[in-house]
Amino acid sequence: MTPAEKKLWQCLRADRLEGYHFRRQQIIGRYIVDFFCYQADLVVELDGAVHLEQVDYDEERTRWLESVGLKVLRFSNREVFGELETVLGVIWEACRAAR
């Protein structure tokens, strides 16, 4: 895991986000997503600098995940390090809205 993934995982693991269970490095179809919450059909992806070079791939991946009924949230590593509470709030709201 990247440093940003480790930081976010510490907040998501062991049902720490209001009881929502997340898995990391979850295989979905032909993709491996950073984090997945089955209860909310929610994928959380963290984008580092490399993602600036693979925008088309990321868009294709997001379209496919959404086509199978999943909601995809993307955050930059910078957001995780600088605005962690906001990131967690957006994730929590998406989980809550899915119920």
PDB file of N, CA and C in Angstrom:
ATOM      1  N   MET A   1       0.830  -1.191   0.000  1.00  0.00           N
ATOM      2  CA  MET A   1       0.000   0.000   0.000  1.00  0.00           C
ATOM      3  C   MET A   1       0.872   1.252   0.000  1.00  0.00           C
ATOM      4  N   THR A   2       0.342   2.282  -0.610  1.00  0.00           N
ATOM      5  CA  THR A   2       1.030   3.563  -0.591  1.00  0.00           C
ATOM      6  C   THR A   2       0.845   4.210   0.782  1.00  0.00           C
ATOM      7  N   PRO A   3       1.643   5.219   1.112  1.00  0.00           N
ATOM      8  CA  PRO A   3       1.439   5.899   2.398  1.00  0.00           C
ATOM      9  C   PRO A   3       0.017   6.455   2.561  1.00  0.00           C
ATOM     10  N   ALA A   4      -0.551   6.998   1.506  1.00  0.00           N
ATOM     11  CA  ALA A   4      -1.924   7.523   1.598  1.00  0.00           C
ATOM     12  C   ALA A   4      -2.921   6.392   1.838  1.00  0.00           C
ATOM     13  N   GLU A   5      -2.741   5.269   1.161  1.00  0.00           N
ATOM     14  CA  GLU A   5      -3.624   4.122   1.377  1.00  0.00           C
ATOM     15  C   GLU A   5      -3.513   3.617   2.816  1.00  0.00           C
ATOM     16  N   LYS A   6      -2.299   3.571   3.353  1.00  0.00           N
ATOM     17  CA  LYS A   6      -2.119   3.138   4.740  1.00  0.00           C
ATOM     18  C   LYS A   6      -2.842   4.064   5.703  1.00  0.00           C
ATOM     19  N   LYS A   7      -2.741   5.359   5.454  1.00  0.00           N
ATOM     20  CA  LYS A   7      -3.381   6.336   6.338  1.00  0.00           C
ATOM     21  C   LYS A   7      -4.899   6.177   6.303  1.00  0.00           C
ATOM     22  N   LEU A   8      -5.471   6.066   5.105  1.00  0.00           N
ATOM     23  CA  LEU A   8      -6.918   5.910   5.010  1.00  0.00           C
ATOM     24  C   LEU A   8      -7.361   4.562   5.562  1.00  0.00           C
ATOM     25  N   TRP A   9      -6.579   3.524   5.315  1.00  0.00           N
ATOM     26  CA  TRP A   9      -6.934   2.189   5.805  1.00  0.00           C
ATOM     27  C   TRP A   9      -7.037   2.164   7.328  1.00  0.00           C
ATOM     28  N   GLN A  10      -6.188   2.912   8.003  1.00  0.00           N
ATOM     29  CA  GLN A  10      -6.255   2.955   9.467  1.00  0.00           C
ATOM     30  C   GLN A  10      -7.593   3.510   9.948  1.00  0.00           C
ATOM     31  N   CYS A  11      -8.249   4.306   9.120  1.00  0.00           N
ATOM     32  CA  CYS A  11      -9.552   4.874   9.487  1.00  0.00           C
ATOM     33  C   CYS A  11     -10.719   3.997   9.049  1.00  0.00           C
ATOM     34  N   LEU A  12     -10.504   3.151   8.046  1.00  0.00           N
ATOM     35  CA  LEU A  12     -11.584   2.323   7.506  1.00  0.00           C
ATOM     36  C   LEU A  12     -11.588   0.900   8.051  1.00  0.00           C
ATOM     37  N   ARG A  13     -10.439   0.387   8.432  1.00  0.00           N
ATOM     38  CA  ARG A  13     -10.321  -1.024   8.818  1.00  0.00           C
ATOM     39  C   ARG A  13     -11.106  -1.319  10.094  1.00  0.00           C
ATOM     40  N   ALA A  14     -11.435  -2.576  10.249  1.00  0.00           N
ATOM     41  CA  ALA A  14     -12.105  -3.057  11.468  1.00  0.00           C
ATOM     42  C   ALA A  14     -13.405  -2.306  11.759  1.00  0.00           C
ATOM     43  N   ASP A  15     -14.127  -1.968  10.696  1.00  0.00           N
ATOM     44  CA  ASP A  15     -15.437  -1.317  10.825  1.00  0.00           C
ATOM     45  C   ASP A  15     -15.376   0.006  11.585  1.00  0.00           C
ATOM     46  N   ARG A  16     -14.262   0.714  11.457  1.00  0.00           N
ATOM     47  CA  ARG A  16     -14.073   1.948  12.224  1.00  0.00           C
ATOM     48  C   ARG A  16     -14.894   3.125  11.719  1.00  0.00           C
ATOM     49  N   LEU A  17     -15.414   3.045  10.500  1.00  0.00           N
ATOM     50  CA  LEU A  17     -16.215   4.147   9.984  1.00  0.00           C
ATOM     51  C   LEU A  17     -17.690   3.825  10.221  1.00  0.00           C
ATOM     52  N   GLU A  18     -18.152   4.141  11.430  1.00  0.00           N
ATOM     53  CA  GLU A  18     -19.557   3.948  11.798  1.00  0.00           C
ATOM     54  C   GLU A  18     -20.057   2.532  11.531  1.00  0.00           C
ATOM     55  N   GLY A  19     -19.181   1.538  11.660  1.00  0.00           N
ATOM     56  CA  GLY A  19     -19.584   0.150  11.509  1.00  0.00           C
ATOM     57  C   GLY A  19     -19.578  -0.381  10.089  1.00  0.00           C
ATOM     58  N   TYR A  20     -19.233   0.445   9.121  1.00  0.00           N
ATOM     59  CA  TYR A  20     -19.163  -0.036   7.735  1.00  0.00           C
ATOM     60  C   TYR A  20     -17.892  -0.848   7.541  1.00  0.00           C
ATOM     61  N   HIS A  21     -18.048  -1.981   6.904  1.00  0.00           N
ATOM     62  CA  HIS A  21     -16.917  -2.893   6.696  1.00  0.00           C
ATOM     63  C   HIS A  21     -16.299  -2.658   5.316  1.00  0.00           C
ATOM     64  N   PHE A  22     -15.017  -2.367   5.301  1.00  0.00           N
ATOM     65  CA  PHE A  22     -14.276  -2.156   4.058  1.00  0.00           C
ATOM     66  C   PHE A  22     -13.243  -3.250   3.880  1.00  0.00           C
ATOM     67  N   ARG A  23     -13.021  -3.615   2.648  1.00  0.00           N
ATOM     68  CA  ARG A  23     -11.919  -4.512   2.274  1.00  0.00           C
ATOM     69  C   ARG A  23     -10.942  -3.688   1.461  1.00  0.00           C
ATOM     70  N   ARG A  24      -9.684  -4.043   1.548  1.00  0.00           N
ATOM     71  CA  ARG A  24      -8.683  -3.349   0.724  1.00  0.00           C
ATOM     72  C   ARG A  24      -8.198  -4.285  -0.367  1.00  0.00           C
ATOM     73  N   GLN A  25      -7.755  -3.693  -1.464  1.00  0.00           N
ATOM     74  CA  GLN A  25      -7.246  -4.450  -2.602  1.00  0.00           C
ATOM     75  C   GLN A  25      -8.230  -5.552  -3.014  1.00  0.00           C
ATOM     76  N   GLN A  26      -9.480  -5.164  -3.202  1.00  0.00           N
ATOM     77  CA  GLN A  26     -10.553  -6.090  -3.545  1.00  0.00           C
ATOM     78  C   GLN A  26     -10.626  -6.280  -5.058  1.00  0.00           C
ATOM     79  N   ILE A  27     -10.683  -7.528  -5.493  1.00  0.00           N
ATOM     80  CA  ILE A  27     -10.851  -7.831  -6.914  1.00  0.00           C
ATOM     81  C   ILE A  27     -12.323  -7.703  -7.265  1.00  0.00           C
ATOM     82  N   ILE A  28     -12.608  -6.893  -8.284  1.00  0.00           N
ATOM     83  CA  ILE A  28     -13.969  -6.747  -8.805  1.00  0.00           C
ATOM     84  C   ILE A  28     -13.839  -6.827 -10.323  1.00  0.00           C
ATOM     85  N   GLY A  29     -14.358  -7.900 -10.885  1.00  0.00           N
ATOM     86  CA  GLY A  29     -14.189  -8.101 -12.324  1.00  0.00           C
ATOM     87  C   GLY A  29     -12.722  -8.223 -12.665  1.00  0.00           C
ATOM     88  N   ARG A  30     -12.286  -7.426 -13.607  1.00  0.00           N
ATOM     89  CA  ARG A  30     -10.872  -7.478 -14.016  1.00  0.00           C
ATOM     90  C   ARG A  30     -10.013  -6.420 -13.328  1.00  0.00           C
ATOM     91  N   TYR A  31     -10.586  -5.772 -12.320  1.00  0.00           N
ATOM     92  CA  TYR A  31      -9.879  -4.695 -11.624  1.00  0.00           C
ATOM     93  C   TYR A  31      -9.627  -5.044 -10.162  1.00  0.00           C
ATOM     94  N   ILE A  32      -8.619  -4.398  -9.607  1.00  0.00           N
ATOM     95  CA  ILE A  32      -8.364  -4.451  -8.168  1.00  0.00           C
ATOM     96  C   ILE A  32      -8.568  -3.029  -7.665  1.00  0.00           C
ATOM     97  N   VAL A  33      -9.561  -2.864  -6.797  1.00  0.00           N
ATOM     98  CA  VAL A  33      -9.858  -1.528  -6.283  1.00  0.00           C
ATOM     99  C   VAL A  33      -9.151  -1.332  -4.945  1.00  0.00           C
ATOM    100  N   ASP A  34      -8.889  -0.078  -4.615  1.00  0.00           N
ATOM    101  CA  ASP A  34      -8.175   0.214  -3.370  1.00  0.00           C
ATOM    102  C   ASP A  34      -8.991  -0.220  -2.152  1.00  0.00           C
ATOM    103  N   PHE A  35     -10.251   0.231  -2.083  1.00  0.00           N
ATOM    104  CA  PHE A  35     -11.110  -0.101  -0.949  1.00  0.00           C
ATOM    105  C   PHE A  35     -12.523  -0.369  -1.448  1.00  0.00           C
ATOM    106  N   PHE A  36     -13.210  -1.320  -0.803  1.00  0.00           N
ATOM    107  CA  PHE A  36     -14.556  -1.671  -1.212  1.00  0.00           C
ATOM    108  C   PHE A  36     -15.423  -1.917   0.008  1.00  0.00           C
ATOM    109  N   CYS A  37     -16.611  -1.297   0.015  1.00  0.00           N
ATOM    110  CA  CYS A  37     -17.607  -1.533   1.056  1.00  0.00           C
ATOM    111  C   CYS A  37     -18.787  -2.232   0.405  1.00  0.00           C
ATOM    112  N   TYR A  38     -18.945  -3.516   0.698  1.00  0.00           N
ATOM    113  CA  TYR A  38     -20.000  -4.326   0.107  1.00  0.00           C
ATOM    114  C   TYR A  38     -21.378  -3.820   0.512  1.00  0.00           C
ATOM    115  N   GLN A  39     -21.528  -3.438   1.784  1.00  0.00           N
ATOM    116  CA  GLN A  39     -22.818  -2.971   2.301  1.00  0.00           C
ATOM    117  C   GLN A  39     -23.366  -1.796   1.499  1.00  0.00           C
ATOM    118  N   ALA A  40     -22.476  -0.951   0.999  1.00  0.00           N
ATOM    119  CA  ALA A  40     -22.883   0.274   0.303  1.00  0.00           C
ATOM    120  C   ALA A  40     -22.602   0.224  -1.192  1.00  0.00           C
ATOM    121  N   ASP A  41     -22.107  -0.910  -1.697  1.00  0.00           N
ATOM    122  CA  ASP A  41     -21.704  -1.000  -3.107  1.00  0.00           C
ATOM    123  C   ASP A  41     -20.810   0.181  -3.470  1.00  0.00           C
ATOM    124  N   LEU A  42     -19.812   0.428  -2.624  1.00  0.00           N
ATOM    125  CA  LEU A  42     -18.973   1.613  -2.741  1.00  0.00           C
ATOM    126  C   LEU A  42     -17.507   1.246  -2.944  1.00  0.00           C
ATOM    127  N   VAL A  43     -16.909   1.852  -3.955  1.00  0.00           N
ATOM    128  CA  VAL A  43     -15.481   1.718  -4.236  1.00  0.00           C
ATOM    129  C   VAL A  43     -14.826   3.052  -3.903  1.00  0.00           C
ATOM    130  N   VAL A  44     -13.706   3.005  -3.197  1.00  0.00           N
ATOM    131  CA  VAL A  44     -12.928   4.204  -2.897  1.00  0.00           C
ATOM    132  C   VAL A  44     -11.548   4.009  -3.518  1.00  0.00           C
ATOM    133  N   GLU A  45     -11.182   4.945  -4.385  1.00  0.00           N
ATOM    134  CA  GLU A  45      -9.898   4.900  -5.059  1.00  0.00           C
ATOM    135  C   GLU A  45      -9.063   6.112  -4.664  1.00  0.00           C
ATOM    136  N   LEU A  46      -7.775   5.890  -4.443  1.00  0.00           N
ATOM    137  CA  LEU A  46      -6.846   6.978  -4.160  1.00  0.00           C
ATOM    138  C   LEU A  46      -5.936   7.166  -5.357  1.00  0.00           C
ATOM    139  N   ASP A  47      -5.796   8.399  -5.765  1.00  0.00           N
ATOM    140  CA  ASP A  47      -5.026   8.714  -6.953  1.00  0.00           C
ATOM    141  C   ASP A  47      -3.767   9.499  -6.598  1.00  0.00           C
ATOM    142  N   GLY A  48      -2.633   8.901  -6.903  1.00  0.00           N
ATOM    143  CA  GLY A  48      -1.351   9.581  -6.742  1.00  0.00           C
ATOM    144  C   GLY A  48      -0.938  10.224  -8.050  1.00  0.00           C
ATOM    145  N   ALA A  49       0.297  10.647  -8.120  1.00  0.00           N
ATOM    146  CA  ALA A  49       0.802  11.354  -9.302  1.00  0.00           C
ATOM    147  C   ALA A  49       0.704  10.513 -10.572  1.00  0.00           C
ATOM    148  N   VAL A  50       0.855   9.200 -10.466  1.00  0.00           N
ATOM    149  CA  VAL A  50       0.824   8.333 -11.643  1.00  0.00           C
ATOM    150  C   VAL A  50      -0.521   8.420 -12.358  1.00  0.00           C
ATOM    151  N   HIS A  51      -1.572   8.744 -11.635  1.00  0.00           N
ATOM    152  CA  HIS A  51      -2.903   8.792 -12.237  1.00  0.00           C
ATOM    153  C   HIS A  51      -3.063   9.951 -13.215  1.00  0.00           C
ATOM    154  N   LEU A  52      -2.188  10.947 -13.122  1.00  0.00           N
ATOM    155  CA  LEU A  52      -2.218  12.043 -14.087  1.00  0.00           C
ATOM    156  C   LEU A  52      -1.850  11.547 -15.481  1.00  0.00           C
ATOM    157  N   GLU A  53      -1.129  10.449 -15.531  1.00  0.00           N
ATOM    158  CA  GLU A  53      -0.680   9.883 -16.804  1.00  0.00           C
ATOM    159  C   GLU A  53      -1.609   8.791 -17.324  1.00  0.00           C
ATOM    160  N   GLN A  54      -2.619   8.425 -16.563  1.00  0.00           N
ATOM    161  CA  GLN A  54      -3.502   7.335 -16.973  1.00  0.00           C
ATOM    162  C   GLN A  54      -4.978   7.713 -16.817  1.00  0.00           C
ATOM    163  N   VAL A  55      -5.290   8.934 -17.188  1.00  0.00           N
ATOM    164  CA  VAL A  55      -6.647   9.447 -17.036  1.00  0.00           C
ATOM    165  C   VAL A  55      -7.652   8.600 -17.814  1.00  0.00           C
ATOM    166  N   ASP A  56      -7.336   8.254 -19.049  1.00  0.00           N
ATOM    167  CA  ASP A  56      -8.259   7.458 -19.865  1.00  0.00           C
ATOM    168  C   ASP A  56      -8.528   6.101 -19.223  1.00  0.00           C
ATOM    169  N   TYR A  57      -7.482   5.456 -18.735  1.00  0.00           N
ATOM    170  CA  TYR A  57      -7.635   4.154 -18.085  1.00  0.00           C
ATOM    171  C   TYR A  57      -8.533   4.278 -16.847  1.00  0.00           C
ATOM    172  N   ASP A  58      -8.294   5.299 -16.036  1.00  0.00           N
ATOM    173  CA  ASP A  58      -9.090   5.498 -14.826  1.00  0.00           C
ATOM    174  C   ASP A  58     -10.558   5.767 -15.169  1.00  0.00           C
ATOM    175  N   GLU A  59     -10.801   6.542 -16.221  1.00  0.00           N
ATOM    176  CA  GLU A  59     -12.178   6.827 -16.626  1.00  0.00           C
ATOM    177  C   GLU A  59     -12.867   5.556 -17.116  1.00  0.00           C
ATOM    178  N   GLU A  60     -12.160   4.743 -17.878  1.00  0.00           N
ATOM    179  CA  GLU A  60     -12.717   3.475 -18.358  1.00  0.00           C
ATOM    180  C   GLU A  60     -13.053   2.563 -17.182  1.00  0.00           C
ATOM    181  N   ARG A  61     -12.141   2.501 -16.251  1.00  0.00           N
ATOM    182  CA  ARG A  61     -12.307   1.671 -15.057  1.00  0.00           C
ATOM    183  C   ARG A  61     -13.522   2.129 -14.247  1.00  0.00           C
ATOM    184  N   THR A  62     -13.656   3.430 -14.038  1.00  0.00           N
ATOM    185  CA  THR A  62     -14.791   3.975 -13.302  1.00  0.00           C
ATOM    186  C   THR A  62     -16.101   3.672 -14.027  1.00  0.00           C
ATOM    187  N   ARG A  63     -16.123   3.867 -15.345  1.00  0.00           N
ATOM    188  CA  ARG A  63     -17.340   3.568 -16.117  1.00  0.00           C
ATOM    189  C   ARG A  63     -17.746   2.108 -15.955  1.00  0.00           C
ATOM    190  N   TRP A  64     -16.772   1.202 -16.020  1.00  0.00           N
ATOM    191  CA  TRP A  64     -17.093  -0.219 -15.886  1.00  0.00           C
ATOM    192  C   TRP A  64     -17.635  -0.531 -14.493  1.00  0.00           C
ATOM    193  N   LEU A  65     -16.984  -0.021 -13.463  1.00  0.00           N
ATOM    194  CA  LEU A  65     -17.435  -0.264 -12.091  1.00  0.00           C
ATOM    195  C   LEU A  65     -18.850   0.276 -11.882  1.00  0.00           C
ATOM    196  N   GLU A  66     -19.123   1.453 -12.420  1.00  0.00           N
ATOM    197  CA  GLU A  66     -20.463   2.021 -12.304  1.00  0.00           C
ATOM    198  C   GLU A  66     -21.482   1.215 -13.104  1.00  0.00           C
ATOM    199  N   SER A  67     -21.049   0.618 -14.218  1.00  0.00           N
ATOM    200  CA  SER A  67     -21.971  -0.167 -15.049  1.00  0.00           C
ATOM    201  C   SER A  67     -22.445  -1.435 -14.346  1.00  0.00           C
ATOM    202  N   VAL A  68     -21.698  -1.879 -13.341  1.00  0.00           N
ATOM    203  CA  VAL A  68     -22.122  -3.064 -12.580  1.00  0.00           C
ATOM    204  C   VAL A  68     -22.776  -2.663 -11.258  1.00  0.00           C
ATOM    205  N   GLY A  69     -23.143  -1.384 -11.152  1.00  0.00           N
ATOM    206  CA  GLY A  69     -23.931  -0.923 -10.011  1.00  0.00           C
ATOM    207  C   GLY A  69     -23.164  -0.378  -8.829  1.00  0.00           C
ATOM    208  N   LEU A  70     -21.882  -0.099  -9.003  1.00  0.00           N
ATOM    209  CA  LEU A  70     -21.082   0.413  -7.889  1.00  0.00           C
ATOM    210  C   LEU A  70     -20.935   1.923  -7.970  1.00  0.00           C
ATOM    211  N   LYS A  71     -20.845   2.549  -6.822  1.00  0.00           N
ATOM    212  CA  LYS A  71     -20.525   3.974  -6.758  1.00  0.00           C
ATOM    213  C   LYS A  71     -19.020   4.066  -6.544  1.00  0.00           C
ATOM    214  N   VAL A  72     -18.381   4.975  -7.273  1.00  0.00           N
ATOM    215  CA  VAL A  72     -16.929   5.126  -7.184  1.00  0.00           C
ATOM    216  C   VAL A  72     -16.606   6.532  -6.688  1.00  0.00           C
ATOM    217  N   LEU A  73     -15.832   6.591  -5.620  1.00  0.00           N
ATOM    218  CA  LEU A  73     -15.313   7.857  -5.110  1.00  0.00           C
ATOM    219  C   LEU A  73     -13.813   7.869  -5.334  1.00  0.00           C
ATOM    220  N   ARG A  74     -13.309   8.977  -5.843  1.00  0.00           N
ATOM    221  CA  ARG A  74     -11.869   9.130  -6.061  1.00  0.00           C
ATOM    222  C   ARG A  74     -11.358  10.314  -5.255  1.00  0.00           C
ATOM    223  N   PHE A  75     -10.238  10.088  -4.596  1.00  0.00           N
ATOM    224  CA  PHE A  75      -9.590  11.143  -3.830  1.00  0.00           C
ATOM    225  C   PHE A  75      -8.112  11.155  -4.186  1.00  0.00           C
ATOM    226  N   SER A  76      -7.524  12.323  -4.139  1.00  0.00           N
ATOM    227  CA  SER A  76      -6.080  12.416  -4.360  1.00  0.00           C
ATOM    228  C   SER A  76      -5.361  12.087  -3.053  1.00  0.00           C
ATOM    229  N   ASN A  77      -4.120  11.683  -3.185  1.00  0.00           N
ATOM    230  CA  ASN A  77      -3.301  11.454  -1.992  1.00  0.00           C
ATOM    231  C   ASN A  77      -3.215  12.735  -1.165  1.00  0.00           C
ATOM    232  N   ARG A  78      -3.135  13.871  -1.854  1.00  0.00           N
ATOM    233  CA  ARG A  78      -3.050  15.164  -1.172  1.00  0.00           C
ATOM    234  C   ARG A  78      -4.268  15.379  -0.282  1.00  0.00           C
ATOM    235  N   GLU A  79      -5.458  15.000  -0.770  1.00  0.00           N
ATOM    236  CA  GLU A  79      -6.674  15.144   0.038  1.00  0.00           C
ATOM    237  C   GLU A  79      -6.613  14.274   1.292  1.00  0.00           C
ATOM    238  N   VAL A  80      -6.111  13.060   1.147  1.00  0.00           N
ATOM    239  CA  VAL A  80      -6.018  12.161   2.304  1.00  0.00           C
ATOM    240  C   VAL A  80      -5.086  12.743   3.358  1.00  0.00           C
ATOM    241  N   PHE A  81      -3.968  13.310   2.927  1.00  0.00           N
ATOM    242  CA  PHE A  81      -3.019  13.852   3.898  1.00  0.00           C
ATOM    243  C   PHE A  81      -3.432  15.210   4.449  1.00  0.00           C
ATOM    244  N   GLY A  82      -4.126  16.023   3.642  1.00  0.00           N
ATOM    245  CA  GLY A  82      -4.448  17.374   4.081  1.00  0.00           C
ATOM    246  C   GLY A  82      -5.869  17.588   4.552  1.00  0.00           C
ATOM    247  N   GLU A  83      -6.788  16.714   4.132  1.00  0.00           N
ATOM    248  CA  GLU A  83      -8.204  16.915   4.438  1.00  0.00           C
ATOM    249  C   GLU A  83      -8.865  15.589   4.824  1.00  0.00           C
ATOM    250  N   LEU A  84      -8.217  14.819   5.670  1.00  0.00           N
ATOM    251  CA  LEU A  84      -8.679  13.474   5.997  1.00  0.00           C
ATOM    252  C   LEU A  84     -10.110  13.469   6.550  1.00  0.00           C
ATOM    253  N   GLU A  85     -10.445  14.375   7.427  1.00  0.00           N
ATOM    254  CA  GLU A  85     -11.792  14.392   8.006  1.00  0.00           C
ATOM    255  C   GLU A  85     -12.849  14.643   6.930  1.00  0.00           C
ATOM    256  N   THR A  86     -12.540  15.487   5.970  1.00  0.00           N
ATOM    257  CA  THR A  86     -13.465  15.743   4.863  1.00  0.00           C
ATOM    258  C   THR A  86     -13.629  14.499   4.009  1.00  0.00           C
ATOM    259  N   VAL A  87     -12.518  13.836   3.695  1.00  0.00           N
ATOM    260  CA  VAL A  87     -12.556  12.594   2.916  1.00  0.00           C
ATOM    261  C   VAL A  87     -13.423  11.558   3.625  1.00  0.00           C
ATOM    262  N   LEU A  88     -13.206  11.374   4.908  1.00  0.00           N
ATOM    263  CA  LEU A  88     -13.988  10.399   5.676  1.00  0.00           C
ATOM    264  C   LEU A  88     -15.469  10.780   5.709  1.00  0.00           C
ATOM    265  N   GLY A  89     -15.747  12.067   5.781  1.00  0.00           N
ATOM    266  CA  GLY A  89     -17.130  12.518   5.768  1.00  0.00           C
ATOM    267  C   GLY A  89     -17.832  12.204   4.456  1.00  0.00           C
ATOM    268  N   VAL A  90     -17.143  12.396   3.351  1.00  0.00           N
ATOM    269  CA  VAL A  90     -17.717  12.091   2.036  1.00  0.00           C
ATOM    270  C   VAL A  90     -17.958  10.586   1.909  1.00  0.00           C
ATOM    271  N   ILE A  91     -17.008   9.789   2.374  1.00  0.00           N
ATOM    272  CA  ILE A  91     -17.162   8.326   2.318  1.00  0.00           C
ATOM    273  C   ILE A  91     -18.346   7.895   3.188  1.00  0.00           C
ATOM    274  N   TRP A  92     -18.422   8.438   4.395  1.00  0.00           N
ATOM    275  CA  TRP A  92     -19.506   8.093   5.304  1.00  0.00           C
ATOM    276  C   TRP A  92     -20.860   8.462   4.711  1.00  0.00           C
ATOM    277  N   GLU A  93     -20.962   9.657   4.122  1.00  0.00           N
ATOM    278  CA  GLU A  93     -22.224  10.094   3.507  1.00  0.00           C
ATOM    279  C   GLU A  93     -22.624   9.148   2.372  1.00  0.00           C
ATOM    280  N   ALA A  94     -21.662   8.710   1.574  1.00  0.00           N
ATOM    281  CA  ALA A  94     -21.957   7.791   0.468  1.00  0.00           C
ATOM    282  C   ALA A  94     -22.451   6.452   1.009  1.00  0.00           C
ATOM    283  N   CYS A  95     -21.846   5.984   2.079  1.00  0.00           N
ATOM    284  CA  CYS A  95     -22.291   4.731   2.706  1.00  0.00           C
ATOM    285  C   CYS A  95     -23.703   4.876   3.240  1.00  0.00           C
ATOM    286  N   ARG A  96     -23.955   5.953   3.946  1.00  0.00           N
ATOM    287  CA  ARG A  96     -25.260   6.197   4.553  1.00  0.00           C
ATOM    288  C   ARG A  96     -26.342   6.357   3.485  1.00  0.00           C
ATOM    289  N   ALA A  97     -26.024   7.024   2.394  1.00  0.00           N
ATOM    290  CA  ALA A  97     -26.991   7.241   1.314  1.00  0.00           C
ATOM    291  C   ALA A  97     -27.358   5.941   0.599  1.00  0.00           C
ATOM    292  N   ALA A  98     -26.477   4.959   0.659  1.00  0.00           N
ATOM    293  CA  ALA A  98     -26.707   3.692  -0.041  1.00  0.00           C
ATOM    294  C   ALA A  98     -27.712   2.806   0.678  1.00  0.00           C
ATOM    295  N   ARG A  99     -27.975   3.066   1.915  1.00  0.00           N
ATOM    296  CA  ARG A  99     -28.887   2.208   2.702  1.00  0.00           C
ATOM    297  C   ARG A  99     -30.321   2.424   2.350  1.00  0.00           C
TER     298      ARG A  99
END
